[in-house]
Amino acid sequence: MAELKPGARFQSTVCTTEVIVVKGAGEAELTCGGAAMVPAGTGEVAGEPAADAAEGTLLGKRYSDETDTIELLATKAGAGSMAVGGAALAVAQAKTLPASD
């Protein structure tokens, strides 16, 4: 389990993906490529992403869960796709601003 608090940084153990937590609170099972993510700078890349978790992570994109309670910013791209508690994270959509006229 990983402590998801804003500013925390994590890295994948099966690809080059690195993220920073933008929004989130509490402990959650954060995975990338089917393997648990570890705090940045504490692990080495070993192995490959699982076939069902190899959609990739894009640099500079924000990823969130369906309920929008967790948001991660990808600081390094990688071959693995991220999930929290077994639920895949999707690229967050830009929020529309109200018309100003």
Protein backbone atom coordinates (compact mmCIF):
# COMPACT_ATOMS: atom_id res chain seq x y z
CA MET A 1 0.00 0.00 0.00
CA ALA A 2 1.15 3.50 -0.83
CA GLU A 3 0.37 6.66 1.13
CA LEU A 4 -1.18 8.97 -1.49
CA LYS A 5 -0.73 12.56 -0.38
CA PRO A 6 -0.20 15.59 -2.63
CA GLY A 7 3.45 15.97 -3.57
CA ALA A 8 4.39 12.32 -3.04
CA ARG A 9 6.42 10.82 -5.92
CA PHE A 10 6.28 7.21 -7.09
CA GLN A 11 8.03 5.13 -9.73
CA SER A 12 7.20 1.88 -11.48
CA THR A 13 9.29 -1.22 -10.89
CA VAL A 14 8.59 -2.67 -14.38
CA CYS A 15 8.96 0.37 -16.67
CA THR A 16 10.21 3.97 -16.68
CA THR A 17 6.94 5.55 -15.47
CA GLU A 18 7.23 8.12 -12.67
CA VAL A 19 4.35 10.14 -11.20
CA ILE A 20 3.61 12.79 -8.61
CA VAL A 21 0.38 12.82 -6.62
CA VAL A 22 -1.74 15.90 -7.35
CA LYS A 23 -4.85 14.87 -5.43
CA GLY A 24 -5.41 11.98 -3.06
CA ALA A 25 -5.51 11.08 0.59
CA GLY A 26 -4.93 7.88 2.48
CA GLU A 27 -3.46 4.55 1.58
CA ALA A 28 -4.18 2.81 -1.70
CA GLU A 29 -2.78 0.01 -3.82
CA LEU A 30 -1.03 1.93 -6.62
CA THR A 31 0.25 -0.21 -9.49
CA CYS A 32 1.86 0.33 -12.88
CA GLY A 33 2.25 -2.44 -15.41
CA GLY A 34 0.64 -4.84 -12.94
CA ALA A 35 3.32 -4.33 -10.26
CA ALA A 36 3.24 -2.15 -7.16
CA MET A 37 4.76 1.33 -7.49
CA VAL A 38 7.40 2.39 -4.96
CA PRO A 39 8.50 5.80 -3.66
CA ALA A 40 10.70 7.52 -6.27
CA GLY A 41 14.38 6.73 -5.97
CA THR A 42 13.92 3.54 -3.94
CA GLY A 43 13.53 0.87 -6.60
CA GLU A 44 15.03 -0.48 -9.78
CA VAL A 45 13.32 -1.37 -13.03
CA ALA A 46 13.20 -5.16 -13.32
CA GLY A 47 10.96 -7.15 -15.62
CA GLU A 48 8.27 -6.02 -18.02
CA PRO A 49 4.69 -4.76 -17.66
CA ALA A 50 1.99 -7.44 -17.62
CA ALA A 51 0.22 -7.86 -20.98
CA ASP A 52 -3.11 -6.63 -19.56
CA ALA A 53 -1.46 -3.51 -18.07
CA ALA A 54 0.77 -2.36 -20.93
CA GLU A 55 -1.21 0.47 -22.51
CA GLY A 56 1.45 2.98 -21.53
CA THR A 57 1.67 6.23 -19.58
CA LEU A 58 2.08 9.57 -21.37
CA LEU A 59 4.46 12.31 -20.17
CA GLY A 60 2.73 15.38 -18.74
CA LYS A 61 -0.76 13.85 -18.65
CA ARG A 62 -2.93 13.71 -15.55
CA TYR A 63 -4.51 10.39 -14.64
CA SER A 64 -7.53 10.02 -12.37
CA ASP A 65 -9.93 7.38 -11.13
CA GLU A 66 -13.65 7.25 -11.99
CA THR A 67 -14.70 9.08 -8.82
CA ASP A 68 -12.06 11.81 -9.34
CA THR A 69 -10.67 11.33 -5.82
CA ILE A 70 -7.13 10.48 -6.98
CA GLU A 71 -5.13 12.42 -9.56
CA LEU A 72 -1.57 11.66 -10.65
CA LEU A 73 0.70 13.64 -12.97
CA ALA A 74 3.10 11.60 -15.12
CA THR A 75 6.60 13.07 -14.87
CA LYS A 76 8.19 10.27 -16.93
CA ALA A 77 6.50 8.22 -19.63
CA GLY A 78 6.56 4.43 -19.60
CA ALA A 79 5.14 1.26 -21.12
CA GLY A 80 2.93 0.29 -18.16
CA SER A 81 -0.57 1.55 -17.42
CA MET A 82 -1.54 2.64 -13.91
CA ALA A 83 -4.28 1.39 -11.61
CA VAL A 84 -5.46 2.04 -8.05
CA GLY A 85 -6.99 -0.86 -6.18
CA GLY A 86 -7.25 -2.85 -9.40
CA ALA A 87 -9.22 -0.12 -11.23
CA ALA A 88 -7.42 1.37 -14.22
CA LEU A 89 -6.68 5.10 -14.20
CA ALA A 90 -7.65 7.09 -17.30
CA VAL A 91 -6.27 10.32 -18.74
CA ALA A 92 -8.14 13.14 -16.98
CA GLN A 93 -10.22 15.32 -19.27
CA ALA A 94 -9.85 19.09 -19.22
CA LYS A 95 -12.57 20.85 -17.28
CA THR A 96 -14.61 23.34 -19.27
CA LEU A 97 -14.73 26.90 -18.02
CA PRO A 98 -17.94 28.93 -18.03
CA ALA A 99 -18.48 31.37 -20.86
CA SER A 100 -17.28 34.87 -20.06
CA ASP A 101 -19.61 36.82 -22.34
